[in-house]
Amino acid sequence: MDEKINKAIEYYTFKSNEIQTFVNSKNNLSVEKIIECGEELLILENKITALEVAKEN
């Protein structure tokens, strides 16, 4: 089970970094796009946190 959790954490971390890189590499994003990316990051970070808690238990 730990292997599946680790793979999921790795995947969500990769996706989070991908979004952060996208936002940081652009200088002409609309407010709506920045908010959309922020919401996606929030969801990913919540999933990562939940998986880390599950891994500890």
PDB file of N, CA and C in Angstrom:
ATOM      1  N   MET A   1       0.824  -1.195   0.000  1.00  0.00           N
ATOM      2  CA  MET A   1       0.000   0.000   0.000  1.00  0.00           C
ATOM      3  C   MET A   1       0.868   1.259   0.000  1.00  0.00           C
ATOM      4  N   ASP A   2       1.990   1.200   0.745  1.00  0.00           N
ATOM      5  CA  ASP A   2       2.876   2.363   0.790  1.00  0.00           C
ATOM      6  C   ASP A   2       3.398   2.728  -0.585  1.00  0.00           C
ATOM      7  N   GLU A   3       3.640   1.717  -1.405  1.00  0.00           N
ATOM      8  CA  GLU A   3       4.156   1.974  -2.756  1.00  0.00           C
ATOM      9  C   GLU A   3       3.149   2.775  -3.581  1.00  0.00           C
ATOM     10  N   LYS A   4       1.880   2.435  -3.475  1.00  0.00           N
ATOM     11  CA  LYS A   4       0.834   3.163  -4.205  1.00  0.00           C
ATOM     12  C   LYS A   4       0.707   4.591  -3.698  1.00  0.00           C
ATOM     13  N   ILE A   5       0.789   4.752  -2.393  1.00  0.00           N
ATOM     14  CA  ILE A   5       0.715   6.096  -1.810  1.00  0.00           C
ATOM     15  C   ILE A   5       1.902   6.936  -2.257  1.00  0.00           C
ATOM     16  N   ASN A   6       3.095   6.341  -2.235  1.00  0.00           N
ATOM     17  CA  ASN A   6       4.285   7.067  -2.680  1.00  0.00           C
ATOM     18  C   ASN A   6       4.192   7.479  -4.141  1.00  0.00           C
ATOM     19  N   LYS A   7       3.683   6.597  -4.981  1.00  0.00           N
ATOM     20  CA  LYS A   7       3.525   6.919  -6.401  1.00  0.00           C
ATOM     21  C   LYS A   7       2.520   8.048  -6.592  1.00  0.00           C
ATOM     22  N   ALA A   8       1.430   8.025  -5.824  1.00  0.00           N
ATOM     23  CA  ALA A   8       0.419   9.078  -5.918  1.00  0.00           C
ATOM     24  C   ALA A   8       0.993  10.415  -5.455  1.00  0.00           C
ATOM     25  N   ILE A   9       1.747  10.403  -4.363  1.00  0.00           N
ATOM     26  CA  ILE A   9       2.379  11.633  -3.878  1.00  0.00           C
ATOM     27  C   ILE A   9       3.340  12.168  -4.925  1.00  0.00           C
ATOM     28  N   GLU A  10       4.115  11.284  -5.508  1.00  0.00           N
ATOM     29  CA  GLU A  10       5.062  11.679  -6.554  1.00  0.00           C
ATOM     30  C   GLU A  10       4.342  12.311  -7.747  1.00  0.00           C
ATOM     31  N   TYR A  11       3.247  11.701  -8.163  1.00  0.00           N
ATOM     32  CA  TYR A  11       2.477  12.215  -9.297  1.00  0.00           C
ATOM     33  C   TYR A  11       1.884  13.590  -8.998  1.00  0.00           C
ATOM     34  N   TYR A  12       1.228  13.718  -7.841  1.00  0.00           N
ATOM     35  CA  TYR A  12       0.607  14.996  -7.499  1.00  0.00           C
ATOM     36  C   TYR A  12       1.644  16.090  -7.284  1.00  0.00           C
ATOM     37  N   THR A  13       2.802  15.736  -6.766  1.00  0.00           N
ATOM     38  CA  THR A  13       3.880  16.702  -6.599  1.00  0.00           C
ATOM     39  C   THR A  13       4.383  17.159  -7.964  1.00  0.00           C
ATOM     40  N   PHE A  14       4.519  16.228  -8.896  1.00  0.00           N
ATOM     41  CA  PHE A  14       4.934  16.571 -10.253  1.00  0.00           C
ATOM     42  C   PHE A  14       3.931  17.528 -10.897  1.00  0.00           C
ATOM     43  N   LYS A  15       2.644  17.215 -10.772  1.00  0.00           N
ATOM     44  CA  LYS A  15       1.612  18.074 -11.367  1.00  0.00           C
ATOM     45  C   LYS A  15       1.616  19.461 -10.719  1.00  0.00           C
ATOM     46  N   SER A  16       1.822  19.510  -9.419  1.00  0.00           N
ATOM     47  CA  SER A  16       1.888  20.786  -8.705  1.00  0.00           C
ATOM     48  C   SER A  16       3.062  21.619  -9.208  1.00  0.00           C
ATOM     49  N   ASN A  17       4.216  20.988  -9.327  1.00  0.00           N
ATOM     50  CA  ASN A  17       5.397  21.695  -9.836  1.00  0.00           C
ATOM     51  C   ASN A  17       5.204  22.156 -11.276  1.00  0.00           C
ATOM     52  N   GLU A  18       4.505  21.359 -12.052  1.00  0.00           N
ATOM     53  CA  GLU A  18       4.223  21.706 -13.447  1.00  0.00           C
ATOM     54  C   GLU A  18       3.381  22.983 -13.521  1.00  0.00           C
ATOM     55  N   ILE A  19       2.365  23.080 -12.696  1.00  0.00           N
ATOM     56  CA  ILE A  19       1.512  24.268 -12.679  1.00  0.00           C
ATOM     57  C   ILE A  19       2.298  25.480 -12.191  1.00  0.00           C
ATOM     58  N   GLN A  20       3.102  25.306 -11.146  1.00  0.00           N
ATOM     59  CA  GLN A  20       3.897  26.418 -10.623  1.00  0.00           C
ATOM     60  C   GLN A  20       4.884  26.927 -11.672  1.00  0.00           C
ATOM     61  N   THR A  21       5.511  26.016 -12.390  1.00  0.00           N
ATOM     62  CA  THR A  21       6.446  26.403 -13.445  1.00  0.00           C
ATOM     63  C   THR A  21       5.722  27.158 -14.550  1.00  0.00           C
ATOM     64  N   PHE A  22       4.533  26.693 -14.905  1.00  0.00           N
ATOM     65  CA  PHE A  22       3.743  27.364 -15.937  1.00  0.00           C
ATOM     66  C   PHE A  22       3.425  28.800 -15.537  1.00  0.00           C
ATOM     67  N   VAL A  23       2.930  28.964 -14.321  1.00  0.00           N
ATOM     68  CA  VAL A  23       2.544  30.297 -13.845  1.00  0.00           C
ATOM     69  C   VAL A  23       3.770  31.207 -13.750  1.00  0.00           C
ATOM     70  N   ASN A  24       4.859  30.686 -13.229  1.00  0.00           N
ATOM     71  CA  ASN A  24       6.058  31.501 -13.049  1.00  0.00           C
ATOM     72  C   ASN A  24       6.749  31.850 -14.358  1.00  0.00           C
ATOM     73  N   SER A  25       6.510  31.065 -15.405  1.00  0.00           N
ATOM     74  CA  SER A  25       7.171  31.329 -16.681  1.00  0.00           C
ATOM     75  C   SER A  25       6.402  32.328 -17.549  1.00  0.00           C
ATOM     76  N   LYS A  26       5.194  32.648 -17.164  1.00  0.00           N
ATOM     77  CA  LYS A  26       4.366  33.570 -17.943  1.00  0.00           C
ATOM     78  C   LYS A  26       4.310  34.926 -17.262  1.00  0.00           C
ATOM     79  N   ASN A  27       4.286  35.964 -18.068  1.00  0.00           N
ATOM     80  CA  ASN A  27       4.153  37.307 -17.502  1.00  0.00           C
ATOM     81  C   ASN A  27       2.912  38.030 -18.026  1.00  0.00           C
ATOM     82  N   ASN A  28       2.067  37.297 -18.723  1.00  0.00           N
ATOM     83  CA  ASN A  28       0.865  37.922 -19.266  1.00  0.00           C
ATOM     84  C   ASN A  28      -0.391  37.088 -19.005  1.00  0.00           C
ATOM     85  N   LEU A  29      -0.429  36.405 -17.864  1.00  0.00           N
ATOM     86  CA  LEU A  29      -1.604  35.598 -17.542  1.00  0.00           C
ATOM     87  C   LEU A  29      -2.744  36.493 -17.064  1.00  0.00           C
ATOM     88  N   SER A  30      -3.948  36.089 -17.417  1.00  0.00           N
ATOM     89  CA  SER A  30      -5.115  36.825 -16.941  1.00  0.00           C
ATOM     90  C   SER A  30      -5.369  36.476 -15.477  1.00  0.00           C
ATOM     91  N   VAL A  31      -6.101  37.328 -14.825  1.00  0.00           N
ATOM     92  CA  VAL A  31      -6.454  37.092 -13.428  1.00  0.00           C
ATOM     93  C   VAL A  31      -7.213  35.778 -13.309  1.00  0.00           C
ATOM     94  N   GLU A  32      -8.098  35.514 -14.241  1.00  0.00           N
ATOM     95  CA  GLU A  32      -8.894  34.288 -14.212  1.00  0.00           C
ATOM     96  C   GLU A  32      -8.004  33.049 -14.289  1.00  0.00           C
ATOM     97  N   LYS A  33      -6.977  33.089 -15.148  1.00  0.00           N
ATOM     98  CA  LYS A  33      -6.079  31.951 -15.307  1.00  0.00           C
ATOM     99  C   LYS A  33      -5.242  31.746 -14.046  1.00  0.00           C
ATOM    100  N   ILE A  34      -4.807  32.830 -13.430  1.00  0.00           N
ATOM    101  CA  ILE A  34      -4.033  32.729 -12.190  1.00  0.00           C
ATOM    102  C   ILE A  34      -4.895  32.118 -11.088  1.00  0.00           C
ATOM    103  N   ILE A  35      -6.140  32.552 -10.993  1.00  0.00           N
ATOM    104  CA  ILE A  35      -7.059  32.000  -9.990  1.00  0.00           C
ATOM    105  C   ILE A  35      -7.317  30.520 -10.271  1.00  0.00           C
ATOM    106  N   GLU A  36      -7.522  30.178 -11.525  1.00  0.00           N
ATOM    107  CA  GLU A  36      -7.754  28.785 -11.910  1.00  0.00           C
ATOM    108  C   GLU A  36      -6.559  27.913 -11.518  1.00  0.00           C
ATOM    109  N   CYS A  37      -5.367  28.384 -11.806  1.00  0.00           N
ATOM    110  CA  CYS A  37      -4.165  27.629 -11.447  1.00  0.00           C
ATOM    111  C   CYS A  37      -4.020  27.525  -9.929  1.00  0.00           C
ATOM    112  N   GLY A  38      -4.350  28.584  -9.227  1.00  0.00           N
ATOM    113  CA  GLY A  38      -4.302  28.565  -7.770  1.00  0.00           C
ATOM    114  C   GLY A  38      -5.259  27.549  -7.186  1.00  0.00           C
ATOM    115  N   GLU A  39      -6.443  27.463  -7.762  1.00  0.00           N
ATOM    116  CA  GLU A  39      -7.424  26.485  -7.289  1.00  0.00           C
ATOM    117  C   GLU A  39      -6.942  25.059  -7.548  1.00  0.00           C
ATOM    118  N   GLU A  40      -6.337  24.834  -8.719  1.00  0.00           N
ATOM    119  CA  GLU A  40      -5.795  23.514  -9.030  1.00  0.00           C
ATOM    120  C   GLU A  40      -4.666  23.154  -8.059  1.00  0.00           C
ATOM    121  N   LEU A  41      -3.814  24.133  -7.752  1.00  0.00           N
ATOM    122  CA  LEU A  41      -2.733  23.897  -6.801  1.00  0.00           C
ATOM    123  C   LEU A  41      -3.276  23.553  -5.422  1.00  0.00           C
ATOM    124  N   LEU A  42      -4.318  24.245  -5.003  1.00  0.00           N
ATOM    125  CA  LEU A  42      -4.935  23.972  -3.706  1.00  0.00           C
ATOM    126  C   LEU A  42      -5.434  22.535  -3.634  1.00  0.00           C
ATOM    127  N   ILE A  43      -6.098  22.088  -4.664  1.00  0.00           N
ATOM    128  CA  ILE A  43      -6.613  20.717  -4.714  1.00  0.00           C
ATOM    129  C   ILE A  43      -5.469  19.715  -4.643  1.00  0.00           C
ATOM    130  N   LEU A  44      -4.417  19.961  -5.436  1.00  0.00           N
ATOM    131  CA  LEU A  44      -3.275  19.054  -5.433  1.00  0.00           C
ATOM    132  C   LEU A  44      -2.585  19.017  -4.078  1.00  0.00           C
ATOM    133  N   GLU A  45      -2.401  20.168  -3.460  1.00  0.00           N
ATOM    134  CA  GLU A  45      -1.749  20.225  -2.150  1.00  0.00           C
ATOM    135  C   GLU A  45      -2.581  19.516  -1.093  1.00  0.00           C
ATOM    136  N   ASN A  46      -3.898  19.630  -1.172  1.00  0.00           N
ATOM    137  CA  ASN A  46      -4.775  18.913  -0.230  1.00  0.00           C
ATOM    138  C   ASN A  46      -4.655  17.401  -0.413  1.00  0.00           C
ATOM    139  N   LYS A  47      -4.569  16.960  -1.667  1.00  0.00           N
ATOM    140  CA  LYS A  47      -4.413  15.531  -1.932  1.00  0.00           C
ATOM    141  C   LYS A  47      -3.075  15.032  -1.401  1.00  0.00           C
ATOM    142  N   ILE A  48      -2.015  15.805  -1.622  1.00  0.00           N
ATOM    143  CA  ILE A  48      -0.693  15.429  -1.126  1.00  0.00           C
ATOM    144  C   ILE A  48      -0.706  15.308   0.395  1.00  0.00           C
ATOM    145  N   THR A  49      -1.301  16.291   1.042  1.00  0.00           N
ATOM    146  CA  THR A  49      -1.378  16.274   2.504  1.00  0.00           C
ATOM    147  C   THR A  49      -2.152  15.056   3.005  1.00  0.00           C
ATOM    148  N   ALA A  50      -3.284  14.775   2.386  1.00  0.00           N
ATOM    149  CA  ALA A  50      -4.090  13.623   2.789  1.00  0.00           C
ATOM    150  C   ALA A  50      -3.316  12.321   2.599  1.00  0.00           C
ATOM    151  N   LEU A  51      -2.588  12.216   1.504  1.00  0.00           N
ATOM    152  CA  LEU A  51      -1.809  11.000   1.257  1.00  0.00           C
ATOM    153  C   LEU A  51      -0.668  10.862   2.263  1.00  0.00           C
ATOM    154  N   GLU A  52      -0.035  11.956   2.618  1.00  0.00           N
ATOM    155  CA  GLU A  52       1.039  11.906   3.608  1.00  0.00           C
ATOM    156  C   GLU A  52       0.509  11.486   4.971  1.00  0.00           C
ATOM    157  N   VAL A  53      -0.687  11.956   5.330  1.00  0.00           N
ATOM    158  CA  VAL A  53      -1.302  11.548   6.594  1.00  0.00           C
ATOM    159  C   VAL A  53      -1.639  10.063   6.535  1.00  0.00           C
ATOM    160  N   ALA A  54      -2.181   9.614   5.419  1.00  0.00           N
ATOM    161  CA  ALA A  54      -2.526   8.196   5.270  1.00  0.00           C
ATOM    162  C   ALA A  54      -1.264   7.326   5.339  1.00  0.00           C
ATOM    163  N   LYS A  55      -0.193   7.819   4.803  1.00  0.00           N
ATOM    164  CA  LYS A  55       1.075   7.077   4.808  1.00  0.00           C
ATOM    165  C   LYS A  55       1.604   6.909   6.231  1.00  0.00           C
ATOM    166  N   GLU A  56       1.417   7.920   7.069  1.00  0.00           N
ATOM    167  CA  GLU A  56       1.889   7.853   8.448  1.00  0.00           C
ATOM    168  C   GLU A  56       1.084   6.863   9.282  1.00  0.00           C
ATOM    169  N   ASN A  57      -0.169   6.677   8.911  1.00  0.00           N
ATOM    170  CA  ASN A  57      -1.033   5.783   9.695  1.00  0.00           C
ATOM    171  C   ASN A  57      -0.968   4.437   9.126  1.00  0.00           C
TER     172      ASN A  57
END
